[in-house]
Amino acid sequence: MQTERIRQNLLRPLTPEDIDKFQRQGWTPVAIEWERKIPGTEPVQAQPPVVEDPPFGLRVGSDCLTLEENPQEKEILTTMMELIIQDGPYSSIAQELNRRGFVTRQGSKWSPVAVFEMLPRLIEAGPKILSTEEWHQRRQQLLQQRPGLPV
């Protein structure tokens, strides 16, 4: 037989009439939670919640519980990876990203510093990027354009 449970937050003290009413409806109390103020203590200040953006290349999923791929940011990461492998300086990588119309999350143009700051994320996301079919196709194109490139 299935059971049903509800939790009821009390706005006032529980009375015997309240208990009788629920018991007439078939409910049986299974737990009671008590609380009281501790004399001489100050209320604890709640810590502000930690708010972080999802890692670059990901976004909050439609279920608001998981992360999913952000296609535009993934394309930026893949392009950065490609340009880094071609051994370009950060300034030329930033220029190429801007030429292709990519912008940072803040909507600004890419700078050498912004590209440099993405390196930890590229290291983290690199294995996944490098194992995709899309990367294998890009790799072949790179090798055709620049034979001997360590891709």
N, C-alpha and C. Protein backbone atom coordinates (compact mmCIF):
# COMPACT_ATOMS: atom_id res chain seq x y z
N MET A 1 0.84 -1.17 0.00
CA MET A 1 0.00 0.00 0.00
C MET A 1 0.89 1.24 0.00
N GLN A 2 0.55 2.22 -0.81
CA GLN A 2 1.32 3.44 -0.88
C GLN A 2 0.92 4.38 0.25
N THR A 3 1.86 5.21 0.63
CA THR A 3 1.56 6.23 1.64
C THR A 3 1.81 7.60 1.04
N GLU A 4 1.14 8.56 1.60
CA GLU A 4 1.28 9.95 1.17
C GLU A 4 1.77 10.74 2.36
N ARG A 5 2.70 11.66 2.12
CA ARG A 5 3.20 12.52 3.19
C ARG A 5 3.08 13.97 2.76
N ILE A 6 2.81 14.82 3.71
CA ILE A 6 2.83 16.26 3.47
C ILE A 6 3.61 16.92 4.59
N ARG A 7 4.17 18.04 4.30
CA ARG A 7 4.85 18.84 5.31
C ARG A 7 4.07 20.13 5.45
N GLN A 8 3.77 20.49 6.65
CA GLN A 8 2.96 21.68 6.89
C GLN A 8 3.76 22.65 7.74
N ASN A 9 4.03 23.84 7.18
CA ASN A 9 4.67 24.89 7.96
C ASN A 9 3.58 25.61 8.76
N LEU A 10 3.83 25.76 10.03
CA LEU A 10 2.81 26.34 10.90
C LEU A 10 2.94 27.85 10.98
N LEU A 11 1.82 28.52 10.85
CA LEU A 11 1.78 29.97 11.00
C LEU A 11 1.39 30.37 12.43
N ARG A 12 0.87 29.37 13.17
CA ARG A 12 0.46 29.59 14.57
C ARG A 12 0.67 28.26 15.29
N PRO A 13 0.62 28.26 16.60
CA PRO A 13 0.79 26.99 17.32
C PRO A 13 -0.28 25.97 16.93
N LEU A 14 0.11 24.71 16.92
CA LEU A 14 -0.79 23.62 16.60
C LEU A 14 -1.76 23.41 17.78
N THR A 15 -3.03 23.22 17.46
CA THR A 15 -4.04 23.03 18.51
C THR A 15 -4.55 21.60 18.46
N PRO A 16 -5.18 21.14 19.56
CA PRO A 16 -5.78 19.80 19.54
C PRO A 16 -6.82 19.66 18.43
N GLU A 17 -7.53 20.74 18.11
CA GLU A 17 -8.52 20.70 17.04
C GLU A 17 -7.85 20.43 15.69
N ASP A 18 -6.68 21.03 15.48
CA ASP A 18 -5.94 20.79 14.23
C ASP A 18 -5.60 19.31 14.09
N ILE A 19 -5.12 18.73 15.18
CA ILE A 19 -4.74 17.31 15.16
C ILE A 19 -5.97 16.44 14.89
N ASP A 20 -7.06 16.74 15.57
CA ASP A 20 -8.30 15.97 15.36
C ASP A 20 -8.76 16.04 13.91
N LYS A 21 -8.70 17.25 13.34
CA LYS A 21 -9.15 17.44 11.96
C LYS A 21 -8.36 16.55 11.00
N PHE A 22 -7.04 16.54 11.15
CA PHE A 22 -6.21 15.72 10.26
C PHE A 22 -6.42 14.23 10.51
N GLN A 23 -6.58 13.84 11.77
CA GLN A 23 -6.80 12.42 12.06
C GLN A 23 -8.14 11.94 11.47
N ARG A 24 -9.17 12.80 11.48
CA ARG A 24 -10.44 12.43 10.86
C ARG A 24 -10.28 12.23 9.36
N GLN A 25 -9.32 12.92 8.75
CA GLN A 25 -9.07 12.78 7.31
C GLN A 25 -8.15 11.60 7.00
N GLY A 26 -7.75 10.86 8.04
CA GLY A 26 -6.94 9.68 7.83
C GLY A 26 -5.44 9.89 8.01
N TRP A 27 -5.03 11.07 8.42
CA TRP A 27 -3.61 11.36 8.60
C TRP A 27 -3.16 10.89 9.97
N THR A 28 -1.91 10.42 10.04
CA THR A 28 -1.28 10.03 11.29
C THR A 28 0.02 10.82 11.41
N PRO A 29 0.26 11.49 12.53
CA PRO A 29 1.53 12.21 12.67
C PRO A 29 2.70 11.22 12.73
N VAL A 30 3.76 11.51 11.96
CA VAL A 30 4.93 10.62 11.93
C VAL A 30 6.20 11.31 12.41
N ALA A 31 6.17 12.63 12.50
CA ALA A 31 7.34 13.37 12.99
C ALA A 31 6.88 14.73 13.49
N ILE A 32 7.63 15.24 14.45
CA ILE A 32 7.38 16.60 14.94
C ILE A 32 8.73 17.28 15.01
N GLU A 33 8.79 18.49 14.51
CA GLU A 33 10.02 19.27 14.55
C GLU A 33 9.77 20.46 15.46
N TRP A 34 10.63 20.64 16.45
CA TRP A 34 10.47 21.72 17.41
C TRP A 34 11.60 22.71 17.24
N GLU A 35 11.33 23.97 17.55
CA GLU A 35 12.38 24.97 17.55
C GLU A 35 12.10 25.99 18.64
N ARG A 36 13.14 26.65 19.10
CA ARG A 36 12.99 27.73 20.08
C ARG A 36 14.15 28.69 19.93
N LYS A 37 13.95 29.87 20.39
CA LYS A 37 15.00 30.89 20.39
C LYS A 37 15.94 30.59 21.55
N ILE A 38 17.22 30.77 21.33
CA ILE A 38 18.21 30.56 22.37
C ILE A 38 18.53 31.92 22.98
N PRO A 39 18.24 32.08 24.26
CA PRO A 39 18.48 33.38 24.89
C PRO A 39 19.96 33.77 24.83
N GLY A 40 20.20 35.06 24.57
CA GLY A 40 21.56 35.59 24.57
C GLY A 40 22.33 35.35 23.29
N THR A 41 21.68 34.89 22.24
CA THR A 41 22.39 34.68 20.98
C THR A 41 21.87 35.66 19.95
N GLU A 42 22.75 36.04 19.10
CA GLU A 42 22.39 36.97 18.01
C GLU A 42 21.95 36.15 16.80
N PRO A 43 21.04 36.72 16.02
CA PRO A 43 20.66 36.00 14.79
C PRO A 43 21.87 35.86 13.87
N VAL A 44 21.98 34.72 13.25
CA VAL A 44 23.08 34.46 12.32
C VAL A 44 22.78 35.17 11.01
N GLN A 45 23.74 35.92 10.53
CA GLN A 45 23.59 36.61 9.25
C GLN A 45 23.77 35.60 8.13
N ALA A 46 22.80 35.55 7.26
CA ALA A 46 22.88 34.64 6.12
C ALA A 46 23.98 35.11 5.18
N GLN A 47 24.78 34.16 4.72
CA GLN A 47 25.82 34.47 3.75
C GLN A 47 25.18 34.67 2.39
N PRO A 48 25.63 35.67 1.65
CA PRO A 48 25.06 35.84 0.31
C PRO A 48 25.38 34.61 -0.53
N PRO A 49 24.45 34.21 -1.38
CA PRO A 49 24.70 33.02 -2.20
C PRO A 49 25.86 33.26 -3.17
N VAL A 50 26.58 32.20 -3.43
CA VAL A 50 27.67 32.27 -4.40
C VAL A 50 27.05 32.21 -5.78
N VAL A 51 27.35 33.20 -6.60
CA VAL A 51 26.79 33.24 -7.95
C VAL A 51 27.95 33.16 -8.93
N GLU A 52 27.90 32.18 -9.80
CA GLU A 52 28.93 31.99 -10.81
C GLU A 52 28.29 31.80 -12.16
N ASP A 53 28.94 32.31 -13.18
CA ASP A 53 28.51 32.03 -14.54
C ASP A 53 28.93 30.60 -14.88
N PRO A 54 28.18 29.94 -15.76
CA PRO A 54 28.62 28.62 -16.21
C PRO A 54 29.95 28.76 -16.95
N PRO A 55 30.75 27.71 -16.99
CA PRO A 55 32.00 27.78 -17.75
C PRO A 55 31.73 28.16 -19.21
N PHE A 56 32.66 28.90 -19.80
CA PHE A 56 32.53 29.33 -21.19
C PHE A 56 32.34 28.09 -22.06
N GLY A 57 31.37 28.15 -22.94
CA GLY A 57 31.05 27.03 -23.81
C GLY A 57 29.83 26.26 -23.33
N LEU A 58 29.38 26.59 -22.12
CA LEU A 58 28.20 25.94 -21.55
C LEU A 58 27.19 26.99 -21.12
N ARG A 59 25.94 26.56 -20.96
CA ARG A 59 24.88 27.44 -20.47
C ARG A 59 23.95 26.62 -19.59
N VAL A 60 23.13 27.30 -18.81
CA VAL A 60 22.17 26.61 -17.95
C VAL A 60 21.12 25.96 -18.84
N GLY A 61 20.84 24.69 -18.59
CA GLY A 61 19.88 23.95 -19.40
C GLY A 61 18.46 24.41 -19.17
N SER A 62 17.58 23.99 -20.03
CA SER A 62 16.17 24.39 -19.94
C SER A 62 15.51 23.88 -18.66
N ASP A 63 16.08 22.82 -18.05
CA ASP A 63 15.54 22.32 -16.80
C ASP A 63 16.04 23.12 -15.59
N CYS A 64 16.94 24.07 -15.83
CA CYS A 64 17.54 24.92 -14.79
C CYS A 64 18.35 24.12 -13.76
N LEU A 65 18.66 22.88 -14.07
CA LEU A 65 19.41 22.04 -13.14
C LEU A 65 20.75 21.58 -13.72
N THR A 66 20.83 21.54 -15.03
CA THR A 66 22.03 21.01 -15.67
C THR A 66 22.62 22.05 -16.61
N LEU A 67 23.84 21.77 -17.03
CA LEU A 67 24.50 22.61 -18.02
C LEU A 67 24.43 21.91 -19.37
N GLU A 68 24.28 22.70 -20.42
CA GLU A 68 24.27 22.16 -21.77
C GLU A 68 25.22 22.99 -22.62
N GLU A 69 25.57 22.45 -23.75
CA GLU A 69 26.50 23.13 -24.65
C GLU A 69 25.90 24.41 -25.19
N ASN A 70 26.72 25.46 -25.24
CA ASN A 70 26.33 26.72 -25.88
C ASN A 70 27.01 26.69 -27.25
N PRO A 71 26.25 26.48 -28.33
CA PRO A 71 26.87 26.28 -29.65
C PRO A 71 27.79 27.42 -30.09
N GLN A 72 27.39 28.67 -29.86
CA GLN A 72 28.22 29.79 -30.31
C GLN A 72 29.53 29.84 -29.51
N GLU A 73 29.45 29.65 -28.21
CA GLU A 73 30.67 29.67 -27.40
C GLU A 73 31.55 28.46 -27.69
N LYS A 74 30.94 27.33 -28.00
CA LYS A 74 31.73 26.15 -28.36
C LYS A 74 32.50 26.43 -29.66
N GLU A 75 31.85 27.12 -30.58
CA GLU A 75 32.52 27.47 -31.84
C GLU A 75 33.71 28.40 -31.56
N ILE A 76 33.54 29.33 -30.64
CA ILE A 76 34.65 30.23 -30.28
C ILE A 76 35.80 29.42 -29.68
N LEU A 77 35.49 28.50 -28.75
CA LEU A 77 36.54 27.67 -28.15
C LEU A 77 37.26 26.84 -29.20
N THR A 78 36.49 26.26 -30.12
CA THR A 78 37.09 25.43 -31.17
C THR A 78 37.97 26.27 -32.08
N THR A 79 37.52 27.46 -32.41
CA THR A 79 38.32 28.36 -33.25
C THR A 79 39.60 28.77 -32.53
N MET A 80 39.48 29.09 -31.25
CA MET A 80 40.68 29.43 -30.46
C MET A 80 41.67 28.28 -30.46
N MET A 81 41.15 27.07 -30.24
CA MET A 81 42.02 25.89 -30.22
C MET A 81 42.74 25.74 -31.56
N GLU A 82 42.00 25.92 -32.61
CA GLU A 82 42.58 25.81 -33.96
C GLU A 82 43.68 26.85 -34.16
N LEU A 83 43.41 28.09 -33.75
CA LEU A 83 44.39 29.17 -33.94
C LEU A 83 45.61 29.00 -33.03
N ILE A 84 45.40 28.49 -31.84
CA ILE A 84 46.54 28.25 -30.93
C ILE A 84 47.43 27.16 -31.50
N ILE A 85 46.82 26.11 -32.04
CA ILE A 85 47.60 25.02 -32.63
C ILE A 85 48.42 25.52 -33.82
N GLN A 86 47.90 26.52 -34.51
CA GLN A 86 48.64 27.09 -35.63
C GLN A 86 49.76 27.99 -35.14
N ASP A 87 49.91 28.06 -33.79
CA ASP A 87 51.01 28.78 -33.16
C ASP A 87 50.94 30.29 -33.38
N GLY A 88 49.71 30.81 -33.42
CA GLY A 88 49.55 32.25 -33.58
C GLY A 88 49.67 32.96 -32.24
N PRO A 89 50.18 34.18 -32.25
CA PRO A 89 50.23 34.96 -31.01
C PRO A 89 48.81 35.36 -30.59
N TYR A 90 48.64 35.65 -29.31
CA TYR A 90 47.32 36.00 -28.80
C TYR A 90 46.72 37.19 -29.54
N SER A 91 47.54 38.12 -29.96
CA SER A 91 47.02 39.30 -30.67
C SER A 91 46.39 38.90 -32.00
N SER A 92 47.02 37.97 -32.72
CA SER A 92 46.43 37.56 -34.01
C SER A 92 45.21 36.66 -33.79
N ILE A 93 45.20 35.89 -32.70
CA ILE A 93 44.02 35.08 -32.39
C ILE A 93 42.85 36.00 -32.10
N ALA A 94 43.08 37.04 -31.30
CA ALA A 94 42.02 38.01 -30.98
C ALA A 94 41.54 38.70 -32.26
N GLN A 95 42.46 39.10 -33.12
CA GLN A 95 42.07 39.75 -34.37
C GLN A 95 41.20 38.83 -35.23
N GLU A 96 41.58 37.56 -35.32
CA GLU A 96 40.82 36.62 -36.14
C GLU A 96 39.43 36.37 -35.55
N LEU A 97 39.34 36.23 -34.23
CA LEU A 97 38.03 36.07 -33.60
C LEU A 97 37.14 37.27 -33.90
N ASN A 98 37.72 38.47 -33.80
CA ASN A 98 36.95 39.69 -34.09
C ASN A 98 36.56 39.76 -35.56
N ARG A 99 37.49 39.35 -36.45
CA ARG A 99 37.19 39.37 -37.89
C ARG A 99 36.01 38.45 -38.21
N ARG A 100 35.92 37.33 -37.49
CA ARG A 100 34.83 36.38 -37.71
C ARG A 100 33.53 36.81 -37.01
N GLY A 101 33.57 37.93 -36.31
CA GLY A 101 32.36 38.45 -35.68
C GLY A 101 32.05 37.90 -34.30
N PHE A 102 33.01 37.19 -33.71
CA PHE A 102 32.81 36.66 -32.36
C PHE A 102 33.03 37.75 -31.33
N VAL A 103 32.24 37.73 -30.28
CA VAL A 103 32.41 38.68 -29.17
C VAL A 103 32.49 37.90 -27.87
N THR A 104 33.00 38.56 -26.82
CA THR A 104 33.07 37.94 -25.50
C THR A 104 31.67 37.87 -24.91
N ARG A 105 31.56 37.22 -23.77
CA ARG A 105 30.26 37.15 -23.10
C ARG A 105 29.73 38.54 -22.74
N GLN A 106 30.64 39.46 -22.53
CA GLN A 106 30.23 40.82 -22.19
C GLN A 106 29.87 41.64 -23.43
N GLY A 107 30.01 41.03 -24.60
CA GLY A 107 29.65 41.70 -25.84
C GLY A 107 30.76 42.56 -26.41
N SER A 108 31.95 42.48 -25.85
CA SER A 108 33.06 43.30 -26.35
C SER A 108 33.93 42.49 -27.31
N LYS A 109 34.83 43.20 -27.96
CA LYS A 109 35.75 42.54 -28.88
C LYS A 109 36.78 41.76 -28.10
N TRP A 110 37.34 40.75 -28.76
CA TRP A 110 38.39 39.95 -28.13
C TRP A 110 39.70 40.73 -28.12
N SER A 111 40.42 40.62 -27.03
CA SER A 111 41.74 41.23 -26.89
C SER A 111 42.73 40.11 -26.59
N PRO A 112 44.02 40.38 -26.75
CA PRO A 112 45.01 39.34 -26.40
C PRO A 112 44.86 38.86 -24.95
N VAL A 113 44.54 39.78 -24.04
CA VAL A 113 44.37 39.40 -22.63
C VAL A 113 43.15 38.49 -22.46
N ALA A 114 42.05 38.82 -23.15
CA ALA A 114 40.84 38.00 -23.06
C ALA A 114 41.11 36.59 -23.59
N VAL A 115 41.89 36.49 -24.66
CA VAL A 115 42.25 35.18 -25.21
C VAL A 115 43.11 34.43 -24.18
N PHE A 116 44.11 35.11 -23.60
CA PHE A 116 44.97 34.49 -22.60
C PHE A 116 44.16 33.97 -21.42
N GLU A 117 43.17 34.74 -20.98
CA GLU A 117 42.35 34.35 -19.84
C GLU A 117 41.47 33.13 -20.13
N MET A 118 41.29 32.80 -21.40
CA MET A 118 40.51 31.61 -21.79
C MET A 118 41.35 30.33 -21.76
N LEU A 119 42.66 30.43 -21.59
CA LEU A 119 43.51 29.23 -21.62
C LEU A 119 43.09 28.17 -20.60
N PRO A 120 42.80 28.52 -19.34
CA PRO A 120 42.36 27.46 -18.41
C PRO A 120 41.10 26.75 -18.90
N ARG A 121 40.17 27.48 -19.47
CA ARG A 121 38.95 26.86 -19.97
C ARG A 121 39.25 25.98 -21.19
N LEU A 122 40.18 26.42 -22.04
CA LEU A 122 40.56 25.60 -23.20
C LEU A 122 41.22 24.29 -22.75
N ILE A 123 42.03 24.37 -21.70
CA ILE A 123 42.67 23.16 -21.17
C ILE A 123 41.61 22.21 -20.64
N GLU A 124 40.62 22.77 -19.96
CA GLU A 124 39.54 21.96 -19.40
C GLU A 124 38.66 21.35 -20.50
N ALA A 125 38.31 22.15 -21.49
CA ALA A 125 37.39 21.70 -22.55
C ALA A 125 38.12 21.00 -23.69
N GLY A 126 39.43 21.14 -23.76
CA GLY A 126 40.21 20.60 -24.87
C GLY A 126 39.97 19.15 -25.21
N PRO A 127 40.03 18.24 -24.23
CA PRO A 127 39.83 16.82 -24.58
C PRO A 127 38.48 16.56 -25.25
N LYS A 128 37.45 17.24 -24.81
CA LYS A 128 36.14 17.03 -25.42
C LYS A 128 36.12 17.61 -26.85
N ILE A 129 36.70 18.78 -27.02
CA ILE A 129 36.75 19.41 -28.35
C ILE A 129 37.54 18.52 -29.31
N LEU A 130 38.71 18.05 -28.85
CA LEU A 130 39.60 17.29 -29.72
C LEU A 130 39.06 15.90 -30.08
N SER A 131 38.04 15.43 -29.36
CA SER A 131 37.49 14.11 -29.65
C SER A 131 36.25 14.15 -30.53
N THR A 132 35.84 15.35 -30.98
CA THR A 132 34.63 15.45 -31.80
C THR A 132 34.93 15.17 -33.27
N GLU A 133 33.91 14.77 -33.99
CA GLU A 133 34.03 14.56 -35.44
C GLU A 133 34.33 15.90 -36.12
N GLU A 134 33.72 16.97 -35.62
CA GLU A 134 33.96 18.30 -36.19
C GLU A 134 35.45 18.65 -36.13
N TRP A 135 36.11 18.31 -35.00
CA TRP A 135 37.53 18.62 -34.87
C TRP A 135 38.34 17.80 -35.86
N HIS A 136 37.99 16.54 -36.05
CA HIS A 136 38.72 15.70 -37.00
C HIS A 136 38.63 16.28 -38.42
N GLN A 137 37.47 16.82 -38.77
CA GLN A 137 37.33 17.45 -40.08
C GLN A 137 38.17 18.71 -40.17
N ARG A 138 38.14 19.54 -39.12
CA ARG A 138 38.97 20.76 -39.12
C ARG A 138 40.45 20.40 -39.19
N ARG A 139 40.82 19.36 -38.48
CA ARG A 139 42.21 18.94 -38.48
C ARG A 139 42.67 18.58 -39.89
N GLN A 140 41.82 17.85 -40.61
CA GLN A 140 42.17 17.48 -41.98
C GLN A 140 42.34 18.72 -42.85
N GLN A 141 41.45 19.70 -42.68
CA GLN A 141 41.55 20.95 -43.45
C GLN A 141 42.85 21.68 -43.10
N LEU A 142 43.18 21.73 -41.81
CA LEU A 142 44.41 22.39 -41.38
C LEU A 142 45.64 21.71 -41.98
N LEU A 143 45.62 20.37 -41.96
CA LEU A 143 46.77 19.64 -42.50
C LEU A 143 46.92 19.86 -44.00
N GLN A 144 45.80 20.01 -44.71
CA GLN A 144 45.87 20.29 -46.15
C GLN A 144 46.41 21.69 -46.41
N GLN A 145 46.02 22.65 -45.55
CA GLN A 145 46.47 24.03 -45.72
C GLN A 145 47.94 24.19 -45.32
N ARG A 146 48.31 23.51 -44.26
CA ARG A 146 49.67 23.65 -43.74
C ARG A 146 50.25 22.29 -43.40
N PRO A 147 50.76 21.55 -44.37
CA PRO A 147 51.34 20.24 -44.11
C PRO A 147 52.43 20.34 -43.05
N GLY A 148 52.50 19.36 -42.19
CA GLY A 148 53.53 19.34 -41.15
C GLY A 148 53.09 20.04 -39.88
N LEU A 149 51.90 20.61 -39.88
CA LEU A 149 51.38 21.29 -38.69
C LEU A 149 51.13 20.25 -37.61
N PRO A 150 51.60 20.50 -36.36
CA PRO A 150 51.41 19.50 -35.29
C PRO A 150 49.98 19.57 -34.75
N VAL A 151 49.03 18.97 -35.47
CA VAL A 151 47.63 19.03 -35.05
C VAL A 151 47.24 17.72 -34.42
